[in-house]
Amino acid sequence: MALELRHTVTAEEAGTDAASLLCQLSQLPKQRIKDAMAKGAVQLQRRQRKRLRRATETLQTGDQLSLSYDTDILARKPPEGTRCIARQKHYSVWFKPAGLMSQGTAFGDHLSLLRLAEQQLNRPVFLVHRLDRETAGLMLIAHTSVAAATLSRLFEQHQIEKIYQARVRGETPAEGRIDLPLDGKTAITHYQRLSYDASLNQSCLRIRLETGRTHQIRRHLDAIEHPIIGDPRYGRGNKNNEGLQLLATELHFQCPERKQQIKYCLDGYNK
C-alpha cells in the first residue's frame, strides 16, 4: 500500500497532535503513523521544512504536513556493514555498504547513511557529498553547518581527491584518461589498471575523479566499452549476482581542523 498526503492545518485543527490528525486524514492506524514518523516519512513545514518524528507535536494553524507512506519501503531494513571509520570534532568518516542510500527520500530516511550516523553518534548530521545506492565505500558527514559549508566548498573546488576501485569487463589499457562531457558539462576520469584476469576477462582499476557528475565513473567506463561488472543500468555483458563492483576506497584532503593533509583509506586497498 502506498499513499501521499499533503495537508495545511486549519484553525479548527490547531492544537491537535500530529499523529492523531494524520491518522484521521489517512485512515491508517495510529501505530502505523507513529512508525512512519519514526522512520522519517512525515515532514512538517513551519518556519522551515523538517522531518517530523514526534507523534505528540502540537500543530499550529498554517502548518503544512506531508505523509509519504509505502508499506514495502517502511518494512525494509538497512543492509549490514555500516561503520564509522574516523571521528573528528566537526566531521566523521563512514563506510557505506552497497544498498544503503546516502540520504533519505520523502518516503523515509531509515535506509540512509545520514540517519544511521545521526542515531549512532547522537549528533546533528549534514550531507556534503553522495555515493550511489549501489556503490559501497567511504563518505564524509559533517556535524555542524560551518563544517558542512567548508567541506562542501572543498568538494566544489575539487580539493578533495576521491579514489575508487572497480572491476570492469575486458582488458583495459594500462592507464587512461576519459574526458567525455556528461550532461553538457566537463567530466574527467583517470584510471590505472591494477590487474587483469584472463579467465574472467575482467580488469581491476584504480580510478581518480577530477569532477563529480552523476554516475560519472559508470557512464565513462561504459562509454569506452569497459562497463563495471554488476552495473544494473549501464553496459552489456557485465551483469552478475554480486552487485555493482565499484568501491570508494580513499579520500585525500586538507583537514580543516588539523590544517594538514590527511588520507582515509579502506583496509586492504592501495594507499
C-alpha atoms as a PDB file:
ATOM      1  CA  MET A   1       0.000   0.000   0.000  1.00  0.00           C
ATOM      2  CA  ALA A   2       1.249   3.448  -0.893  1.00  0.00           C
ATOM      3  CA  LEU A   3      -0.225   6.897  -0.406  1.00  0.00           C
ATOM      4  CA  GLU A   4       0.929  10.503  -0.395  1.00  0.00           C
ATOM      5  CA  LEU A   5      -0.926  13.079   1.639  1.00  0.00           C
ATOM      6  CA  ARG A   6      -0.482  16.864   1.783  1.00  0.00           C
ATOM      7  CA  HIS A   7      -2.471  18.956   4.228  1.00  0.00           C
ATOM      8  CA  THR A   8      -2.491  22.509   5.606  1.00  0.00           C
ATOM      9  CA  VAL A   9      -3.646  22.673   9.219  1.00  0.00           C
ATOM     10  CA  THR A  10      -6.794  24.750   9.699  1.00  0.00           C
ATOM     11  CA  ALA A  11      -7.702  26.911  12.677  1.00  0.00           C
ATOM     12  CA  GLU A  12     -10.155  24.222  13.822  1.00  0.00           C
ATOM     13  CA  GLU A  13      -7.398  21.582  13.734  1.00  0.00           C
ATOM     14  CA  ALA A  14      -4.794  23.698  15.560  1.00  0.00           C
ATOM     15  CA  GLY A  15      -3.885  22.189  18.935  1.00  0.00           C
ATOM     16  CA  THR A  16      -4.287  18.625  17.671  1.00  0.00           C
ATOM     17  CA  ASP A  17      -1.273  16.347  17.905  1.00  0.00           C
ATOM     18  CA  ALA A  18       0.303  15.356  14.601  1.00  0.00           C
ATOM     19  CA  ALA A  19      -0.242  11.605  14.889  1.00  0.00           C
ATOM     20  CA  SER A  20      -3.943  11.961  15.622  1.00  0.00           C
ATOM     21  CA  LEU A  21      -4.586  14.309  12.697  1.00  0.00           C
ATOM     22  CA  LEU A  22      -2.601  12.148  10.266  1.00  0.00           C
ATOM     23  CA  CYS A  23      -4.472   9.102  11.496  1.00  0.00           C
ATOM     24  CA  GLN A  24      -7.764  10.855  10.803  1.00  0.00           C
ATOM     25  CA  LEU A  25      -6.718  12.135   7.380  1.00  0.00           C
ATOM     26  CA  SER A  26      -5.130   8.901   6.143  1.00  0.00           C
ATOM     27  CA  GLN A  27      -7.441   6.410   7.840  1.00  0.00           C
ATOM     28  CA  LEU A  28      -4.340   4.483   8.901  1.00  0.00           C
ATOM     29  CA  PRO A  29      -3.970   3.013  12.411  1.00  0.00           C
ATOM     30  CA  LYS A  30      -2.110   5.325  14.775  1.00  0.00           C
ATOM     31  CA  GLN A  31       0.667   2.784  15.349  1.00  0.00           C
ATOM     32  CA  ARG A  32       1.421   2.777  11.613  1.00  0.00           C
ATOM     33  CA  ILE A  33       1.508   6.570  11.622  1.00  0.00           C
ATOM     34  CA  LYS A  34       3.933   6.567  14.547  1.00  0.00           C
ATOM     35  CA  ASP A  35       6.153   4.031  12.773  1.00  0.00           C
ATOM     36  CA  ALA A  36       6.140   6.157   9.612  1.00  0.00           C
ATOM     37  CA  MET A  37       7.047   9.242  11.645  1.00  0.00           C
ATOM     38  CA  ALA A  38       9.924   7.465  13.390  1.00  0.00           C
ATOM     39  CA  LYS A  39      11.276   6.387  10.008  1.00  0.00           C
ATOM     40  CA  GLY A  40      11.146   9.891   8.523  1.00  0.00           C
ATOM     41  CA  ALA A  41       8.108   9.581   6.237  1.00  0.00           C
ATOM     42  CA  VAL A  42       6.351  12.646   7.692  1.00  0.00           C
ATOM     43  CA  GLN A  43       7.518  16.204   7.092  1.00  0.00           C
ATOM     44  CA  LEU A  44       6.392  19.475   8.668  1.00  0.00           C
ATOM     45  CA  GLN A  45       6.700  22.897   7.050  1.00  0.00           C
ATOM     46  CA  ARG A  46       6.517  25.657   9.647  1.00  0.00           C
ATOM     47  CA  ARG A  47       9.357  28.153   9.722  1.00  0.00           C
ATOM     48  CA  GLN A  48      11.428  25.619   7.823  1.00  0.00           C
ATOM     49  CA  ARG A  49      10.878  22.136   6.476  1.00  0.00           C
ATOM     50  CA  LYS A  50      11.929  19.207   8.650  1.00  0.00           C
ATOM     51  CA  ARG A  51      11.151  15.563   9.229  1.00  0.00           C
ATOM     52  CA  LEU A  52       8.610  15.259  11.999  1.00  0.00           C
ATOM     53  CA  ARG A  53       9.247  12.285  14.278  1.00  0.00           C
ATOM     54  CA  ARG A  54       7.449  13.359  17.456  1.00  0.00           C
ATOM     55  CA  ALA A  55       3.920  11.946  17.391  1.00  0.00           C
ATOM     56  CA  THR A  56       2.740  14.363  20.088  1.00  0.00           C
ATOM     57  CA  GLU A  57       3.838  17.512  18.202  1.00  0.00           C
ATOM     58  CA  THR A  58       1.118  20.143  18.722  1.00  0.00           C
ATOM     59  CA  LEU A  59       0.073  21.558  15.366  1.00  0.00           C
ATOM     60  CA  GLN A  60      -0.450  25.231  14.578  1.00  0.00           C
ATOM     61  CA  THR A  61      -2.695  26.964  12.072  1.00  0.00           C
ATOM     62  CA  GLY A  62      -0.975  27.052   8.680  1.00  0.00           C
ATOM     63  CA  ASP A  63       1.379  24.149   9.372  1.00  0.00           C
ATOM     64  CA  GLN A  64       1.892  22.078   6.247  1.00  0.00           C
ATOM     65  CA  LEU A  65       2.019  18.338   6.837  1.00  0.00           C
ATOM     66  CA  SER A  66       3.103  15.750   4.316  1.00  0.00           C
ATOM     67  CA  LEU A  67       2.963  11.972   4.633  1.00  0.00           C
ATOM     68  CA  SER A  68       4.638   9.706   2.070  1.00  0.00           C
ATOM     69  CA  TYR A  69       3.604   6.223   3.078  1.00  0.00           C
ATOM     70  CA  ASP A  70       4.724   2.975   1.456  1.00  0.00           C
ATOM     71  CA  THR A  71       4.359  -0.257   3.417  1.00  0.00           C
ATOM     72  CA  ASP A  72       7.072  -2.001   1.381  1.00  0.00           C
ATOM     73  CA  ILE A  73       9.670   0.738   1.967  1.00  0.00           C
ATOM     74  CA  LEU A  74       8.827   1.098   5.656  1.00  0.00           C
ATOM     75  CA  ALA A  75       9.205  -2.655   6.179  1.00  0.00           C
ATOM     76  CA  ARG A  76      12.717  -2.748   4.748  1.00  0.00           C
ATOM     77  CA  LYS A  77      15.799  -2.850   6.952  1.00  0.00           C
ATOM     78  CA  PRO A  78      19.135  -1.233   6.080  1.00  0.00           C
ATOM     79  CA  PRO A  79      21.929  -3.553   4.899  1.00  0.00           C
ATOM     80  CA  GLU A  80      24.512  -4.545   7.472  1.00  0.00           C
ATOM     81  CA  GLY A  81      28.059  -3.245   7.462  1.00  0.00           C
ATOM     82  CA  THR A  82      27.687   0.481   8.179  1.00  0.00           C
ATOM     83  CA  ARG A  83      30.539   1.648  10.394  1.00  0.00           C
ATOM     84  CA  CYS A  84      32.329   4.792  11.476  1.00  0.00           C
ATOM     85  CA  ILE A  85      35.941   4.829  10.212  1.00  0.00           C
ATOM     86  CA  ALA A  86      37.088   8.019  11.955  1.00  0.00           C
ATOM     87  CA  ARG A  87      35.629  10.744  14.171  1.00  0.00           C
ATOM     88  CA  GLN A  88      36.828  14.317  14.245  1.00  0.00           C
ATOM     89  CA  LYS A  89      35.357  17.196  16.212  1.00  0.00           C
ATOM     90  CA  HIS A  90      33.249  18.558  13.354  1.00  0.00           C
ATOM     91  CA  TYR A  91      33.032  15.669  10.874  1.00  0.00           C
ATOM     92  CA  SER A  92      33.250  11.903  10.667  1.00  0.00           C
ATOM     93  CA  VAL A  93      34.183   9.339   8.009  1.00  0.00           C
ATOM     94  CA  TRP A  94      31.934   6.353   7.348  1.00  0.00           C
ATOM     95  CA  PHE A  95      31.840   3.146   5.358  1.00  0.00           C
ATOM     96  CA  LYS A  96      28.559   2.950   3.434  1.00  0.00           C
ATOM     97  CA  PRO A  97      27.638  -0.578   2.327  1.00  0.00           C
ATOM     98  CA  ALA A  98      26.090  -1.214  -1.075  1.00  0.00           C
ATOM     99  CA  GLY A  99      22.313  -0.954  -0.951  1.00  0.00           C
ATOM    100  CA  LEU A 100      22.264   1.874   1.594  1.00  0.00           C
ATOM    101  CA  MET A 101      21.211   5.330   0.394  1.00  0.00           C
ATOM    102  CA  SER A 102      23.359   8.341   1.213  1.00  0.00           C
ATOM    103  CA  GLN A 103      20.321  10.336   2.372  1.00  0.00           C
ATOM    104  CA  GLY A 104      16.615   9.706   2.732  1.00  0.00           C
ATOM    105  CA  THR A 105      13.688  10.457   0.442  1.00  0.00           C
ATOM    106  CA  ALA A 106      10.188  11.724   1.121  1.00  0.00           C
ATOM    107  CA  PHE A 107       9.260   8.105   1.914  1.00  0.00           C
ATOM    108  CA  GLY A 108      11.705   7.920   4.820  1.00  0.00           C
ATOM    109  CA  ASP A 109      15.326   8.083   5.875  1.00  0.00           C
ATOM    110  CA  HIS A 110      15.696   4.851   7.877  1.00  0.00           C
ATOM    111  CA  LEU A 111      17.519   3.289   4.908  1.00  0.00           C
ATOM    112  CA  SER A 112      20.123   6.065   4.686  1.00  0.00           C
ATOM    113  CA  LEU A 113      23.647   6.546   5.984  1.00  0.00           C
ATOM    114  CA  LEU A 114      22.830  10.056   7.190  1.00  0.00           C
ATOM    115  CA  ARG A 115      20.107   8.805   9.550  1.00  0.00           C
ATOM    116  CA  LEU A 116      22.161   5.843  10.806  1.00  0.00           C
ATOM    117  CA  ALA A 117      25.073   8.172  11.593  1.00  0.00           C
ATOM    118  CA  GLU A 118      22.742  10.568  13.402  1.00  0.00           C
ATOM    119  CA  GLN A 119      21.386   7.721  15.528  1.00  0.00           C
ATOM    120  CA  GLN A 120      24.764   6.150  16.287  1.00  0.00           C
ATOM    121  CA  LEU A 121      26.539   9.390  17.234  1.00  0.00           C
ATOM    122  CA  ASN A 122      23.529  11.294  18.569  1.00  0.00           C
ATOM    123  CA  ARG A 123      24.807  14.415  16.806  1.00  0.00           C
ATOM    124  CA  PRO A 124      23.482  16.697  14.052  1.00  0.00           C
ATOM    125  CA  VAL A 125      24.397  15.448  10.571  1.00  0.00           C
ATOM    126  CA  PHE A 126      24.876  17.327   7.285  1.00  0.00           C
ATOM    127  CA  LEU A 127      25.342  15.749   3.866  1.00  0.00           C
ATOM    128  CA  VAL A 128      28.327  17.095   1.908  1.00  0.00           C
ATOM    129  CA  HIS A 129      28.559  14.537  -0.925  1.00  0.00           C
ATOM    130  CA  ARG A 130      26.886  11.349  -2.114  1.00  0.00           C
ATOM    131  CA  LEU A 131      27.539   7.833  -3.299  1.00  0.00           C
ATOM    132  CA  ASP A 132      25.052   5.961  -5.475  1.00  0.00           C
ATOM    133  CA  ARG A 133      22.925   3.494  -3.552  1.00  0.00           C
ATOM    134  CA  GLU A 134      24.619   0.586  -5.362  1.00  0.00           C
ATOM    135  CA  THR A 135      28.134   1.888  -4.572  1.00  0.00           C
ATOM    136  CA  ALA A 136      29.923   0.963  -1.344  1.00  0.00           C
ATOM    137  CA  GLY A 137      32.743   2.940   0.240  1.00  0.00           C
ATOM    138  CA  LEU A 138      33.895   5.972   2.173  1.00  0.00           C
ATOM    139  CA  MET A 139      31.753   9.023   2.848  1.00  0.00           C
ATOM    140  CA  LEU A 140      32.257  12.226   4.832  1.00  0.00           C
ATOM    141  CA  ILE A 141      29.494  13.524   7.100  1.00  0.00           C
ATOM    142  CA  ALA A 142      29.638  16.976   8.718  1.00  0.00           C
ATOM    143  CA  HIS A 143      28.278  17.664  12.206  1.00  0.00           C
ATOM    144  CA  THR A 144      27.986  21.465  12.114  1.00  0.00           C
ATOM    145  CA  SER A 145      26.685  23.830   9.459  1.00  0.00           C
ATOM    146  CA  VAL A 146      30.085  25.539   9.327  1.00  0.00           C
ATOM    147  CA  ALA A 147      31.881  22.224   8.729  1.00  0.00           C
ATOM    148  CA  ALA A 148      29.299  21.306   6.093  1.00  0.00           C
ATOM    149  CA  ALA A 149      29.913  24.570   4.224  1.00  0.00           C
ATOM    150  CA  THR A 150      33.695  24.128   4.440  1.00  0.00           C
ATOM    151  CA  LEU A 151      33.701  20.511   3.230  1.00  0.00           C
ATOM    152  CA  SER A 152      31.149  21.239   0.506  1.00  0.00           C
ATOM    153  CA  ARG A 153      33.372  24.058  -0.748  1.00  0.00           C
ATOM    154  CA  LEU A 154      36.365  21.705  -0.836  1.00  0.00           C
ATOM    155  CA  PHE A 155      34.364  19.262  -2.947  1.00  0.00           C
ATOM    156  CA  GLU A 156      33.176  22.026  -5.274  1.00  0.00           C
ATOM    157  CA  GLN A 157      36.753  23.270  -5.718  1.00  0.00           C
ATOM    158  CA  HIS A 158      37.990  19.706  -6.392  1.00  0.00           C
ATOM    159  CA  GLN A 159      40.266  19.857  -3.354  1.00  0.00           C
ATOM    160  CA  ILE A 160      39.060  16.513  -2.035  1.00  0.00           C
ATOM    161  CA  GLU A 161      40.528  13.650  -4.026  1.00  0.00           C
ATOM    162  CA  LYS A 162      38.261  10.623  -4.350  1.00  0.00           C
ATOM    163  CA  ILE A 163      39.757   7.259  -5.273  1.00  0.00           C
ATOM    164  CA  TYR A 164      37.731   4.229  -6.329  1.00  0.00           C
ATOM    165  CA  GLN A 165      38.365   0.652  -7.340  1.00  0.00           C
ATOM    166  CA  ALA A 166      36.247  -1.193  -9.864  1.00  0.00           C
ATOM    167  CA  ARG A 167      36.119  -4.481 -11.707  1.00  0.00           C
ATOM    168  CA  VAL A 168      35.247  -3.961 -15.361  1.00  0.00           C
ATOM    169  CA  ARG A 169      34.603  -6.106 -18.401  1.00  0.00           C
ATOM    170  CA  GLY A 170      37.554  -6.677 -20.713  1.00  0.00           C
ATOM    171  CA  GLU A 171      41.246  -5.806 -20.683  1.00  0.00           C
ATOM    172  CA  THR A 172      41.717  -2.064 -20.450  1.00  0.00           C
ATOM    173  CA  PRO A 173      44.847  -0.126 -21.400  1.00  0.00           C
ATOM    174  CA  ALA A 174      47.406   0.104 -18.592  1.00  0.00           C
ATOM    175  CA  GLU A 175      46.133   3.597 -17.830  1.00  0.00           C
ATOM    176  CA  GLY A 176      43.900   6.204 -19.364  1.00  0.00           C
ATOM    177  CA  ARG A 177      42.036   9.488 -19.160  1.00  0.00           C
ATOM    178  CA  ILE A 178      38.370   9.787 -20.115  1.00  0.00           C
ATOM    179  CA  ASP A 179      37.164  13.336 -20.810  1.00  0.00           C
ATOM    180  CA  LEU A 180      33.788  12.701 -22.415  1.00  0.00           C
ATOM    181  CA  PRO A 181      31.404  15.534 -21.359  1.00  0.00           C
ATOM    182  CA  LEU A 182      28.349  14.403 -19.394  1.00  0.00           C
ATOM    183  CA  ASP A 183      25.057  16.272 -19.406  1.00  0.00           C
ATOM    184  CA  GLY A 184      26.760  19.114 -21.277  1.00  0.00           C
ATOM    185  CA  LYS A 185      29.392  19.555 -18.564  1.00  0.00           C
ATOM    186  CA  THR A 186      33.097  18.802 -18.339  1.00  0.00           C
ATOM    187  CA  ALA A 187      33.768  15.377 -16.838  1.00  0.00           C
ATOM    188  CA  ILE A 188      37.227  13.858 -16.342  1.00  0.00           C
ATOM    189  CA  THR A 189      38.057  10.378 -15.078  1.00  0.00           C
ATOM    190  CA  HIS A 190      41.557   8.887 -14.716  1.00  0.00           C
ATOM    191  CA  TYR A 191      42.207   5.167 -14.339  1.00  0.00           C
ATOM    192  CA  GLN A 192      45.092   2.782 -13.826  1.00  0.00           C
ATOM    193  CA  ARG A 193      44.843  -0.960 -14.383  1.00  0.00           C
ATOM    194  CA  LEU A 194      45.920  -2.860 -11.285  1.00  0.00           C
ATOM    195  CA  SER A 195      45.392  -6.355 -12.681  1.00  0.00           C
ATOM    196  CA  TYR A 196      43.717  -8.399 -15.406  1.00  0.00           C
ATOM    197  CA  ASP A 197      42.054 -11.804 -15.013  1.00  0.00           C
ATOM    198  CA  ALA A 198      42.082 -13.504 -18.394  1.00  0.00           C
ATOM    199  CA  SER A 199      39.863 -16.372 -17.185  1.00  0.00           C
ATOM    200  CA  LEU A 200      37.088 -13.895 -16.359  1.00  0.00           C
ATOM    201  CA  ASN A 201      38.092 -11.271 -18.927  1.00  0.00           C
ATOM    202  CA  GLN A 202      37.947  -8.629 -16.211  1.00  0.00           C
ATOM    203  CA  SER A 203      40.269  -5.780 -15.229  1.00  0.00           C
ATOM    204  CA  CYS A 204      40.630  -4.272 -11.770  1.00  0.00           C
ATOM    205  CA  LEU A 205      41.046  -0.487 -11.962  1.00  0.00           C
ATOM    206  CA  ARG A 206      42.120   2.261  -9.607  1.00  0.00           C
ATOM    207  CA  ILE A 207      40.093   5.351 -10.518  1.00  0.00           C
ATOM    208  CA  ARG A 208      40.551   9.019  -9.692  1.00  0.00           C
ATOM    209  CA  LEU A 209      37.930  11.662 -10.383  1.00  0.00           C
ATOM    210  CA  GLU A 210      38.611  15.279 -11.310  1.00  0.00           C
ATOM    211  CA  THR A 211      34.887  16.070 -11.494  1.00  0.00           C
ATOM    212  CA  GLY A 212      31.787  14.637  -9.890  1.00  0.00           C
ATOM    213  CA  ARG A 213      28.983  14.216 -12.406  1.00  0.00           C
ATOM    214  CA  THR A 214      26.015  11.901 -11.901  1.00  0.00           C
ATOM    215  CA  HIS A 215      27.111   8.266 -12.379  1.00  0.00           C
ATOM    216  CA  GLN A 216      30.345   9.612 -13.886  1.00  0.00           C
ATOM    217  CA  ILE A 217      32.529   6.526 -13.413  1.00  0.00           C
ATOM    218  CA  ARG A 218      29.795   4.161 -14.533  1.00  0.00           C
ATOM    219  CA  ARG A 219      28.942   6.191 -17.635  1.00  0.00           C
ATOM    220  CA  HIS A 220      32.544   6.874 -18.615  1.00  0.00           C
ATOM    221  CA  LEU A 221      33.642   3.251 -18.359  1.00  0.00           C
ATOM    222  CA  ASP A 222      30.593   2.112 -20.305  1.00  0.00           C
ATOM    223  CA  ALA A 223      31.439   4.722 -22.959  1.00  0.00           C
ATOM    224  CA  ILE A 224      34.880   3.145 -23.553  1.00  0.00           C
ATOM    225  CA  GLU A 225      33.273  -0.330 -23.672  1.00  0.00           C
ATOM    226  CA  HIS A 226      34.594  -1.457 -20.300  1.00  0.00           C
ATOM    227  CA  PRO A 227      31.423  -1.330 -18.176  1.00  0.00           C
ATOM    228  CA  ILE A 228      31.618  -2.074 -14.471  1.00  0.00           C
ATOM    229  CA  ILE A 229      30.738  -5.630 -13.541  1.00  0.00           C
ATOM    230  CA  GLY A 230      27.316  -5.857 -11.948  1.00  0.00           C
ATOM    231  CA  ASP A 231      26.114  -2.442 -13.089  1.00  0.00           C
ATOM    232  CA  PRO A 232      22.318  -2.753 -13.324  1.00  0.00           C
ATOM    233  CA  ARG A 233      21.956   0.324 -15.521  1.00  0.00           C
ATOM    234  CA  TYR A 234      24.958   0.704 -17.823  1.00  0.00           C
ATOM    235  CA  GLY A 235      26.701  -1.761 -20.134  1.00  0.00           C
ATOM    236  CA  ARG A 236      26.132  -5.123 -21.768  1.00  0.00           C
ATOM    237  CA  GLY A 237      27.663  -8.462 -20.928  1.00  0.00           C
ATOM    238  CA  ASN A 238      28.566  -7.205 -17.452  1.00  0.00           C
ATOM    239  CA  LYS A 239      25.668  -8.408 -15.296  1.00  0.00           C
ATOM    240  CA  ASN A 240      26.189 -10.636 -12.255  1.00  0.00           C
ATOM    241  CA  ASN A 241      24.568 -11.703  -8.988  1.00  0.00           C
ATOM    242  CA  GLU A 242      27.030  -9.918  -6.713  1.00  0.00           C
ATOM    243  CA  GLY A 243      26.006  -6.326  -7.330  1.00  0.00           C
ATOM    244  CA  LEU A 244      27.924  -3.319  -8.602  1.00  0.00           C
ATOM    245  CA  GLN A 245      31.690  -3.896  -8.341  1.00  0.00           C
ATOM    246  CA  LEU A 246      32.558  -0.281  -7.535  1.00  0.00           C
ATOM    247  CA  LEU A 247      34.066   0.791  -4.227  1.00  0.00           C
ATOM    248  CA  ALA A 248      35.070   4.248  -2.928  1.00  0.00           C
ATOM    249  CA  THR A 249      38.361   3.330  -1.251  1.00  0.00           C
ATOM    250  CA  GLU A 250      40.183   6.592  -0.439  1.00  0.00           C
ATOM    251  CA  LEU A 251      39.596  10.252   0.451  1.00  0.00           C
ATOM    252  CA  HIS A 252      42.524  12.733   0.407  1.00  0.00           C
ATOM    253  CA  PHE A 253      42.179  16.355   1.531  1.00  0.00           C
ATOM    254  CA  GLN A 254      43.493  19.033   3.833  1.00  0.00           C
ATOM    255  CA  CYS A 255      41.719  18.550   7.140  1.00  0.00           C
ATOM    256  CA  PRO A 256      40.033  21.861   8.073  1.00  0.00           C
ATOM    257  CA  GLU A 257      40.584  21.032  11.755  1.00  0.00           C
ATOM    258  CA  ARG A 258      44.207  19.818  11.730  1.00  0.00           C
ATOM    259  CA  LYS A 259      45.280  22.128   8.871  1.00  0.00           C
ATOM    260  CA  GLN A 260      47.269  19.289   7.302  1.00  0.00           C
ATOM    261  CA  GLN A 261      46.867  16.764   4.505  1.00  0.00           C
ATOM    262  CA  ILE A 262      45.061  13.638   5.587  1.00  0.00           C
ATOM    263  CA  LYS A 263      44.179  10.355   3.897  1.00  0.00           C
ATOM    264  CA  TYR A 264      41.387   7.982   4.789  1.00  0.00           C
ATOM    265  CA  CYS A 265      41.691   4.548   3.204  1.00  0.00           C
ATOM    266  CA  LEU A 266      39.771   1.312   3.474  1.00  0.00           C
ATOM    267  CA  ASP A 267      41.864  -1.508   4.882  1.00  0.00           C
ATOM    268  CA  GLY A 268      43.374  -3.741   2.240  1.00  0.00           C
ATOM    269  CA  TYR A 269      43.351  -1.187  -0.583  1.00  0.00           C
ATOM    270  CA  ASN A 270      46.171   0.841  -2.147  1.00  0.00           C
ATOM    271  CA  LYS A 271      47.189   3.865  -0.113  1.00  0.00           C
END
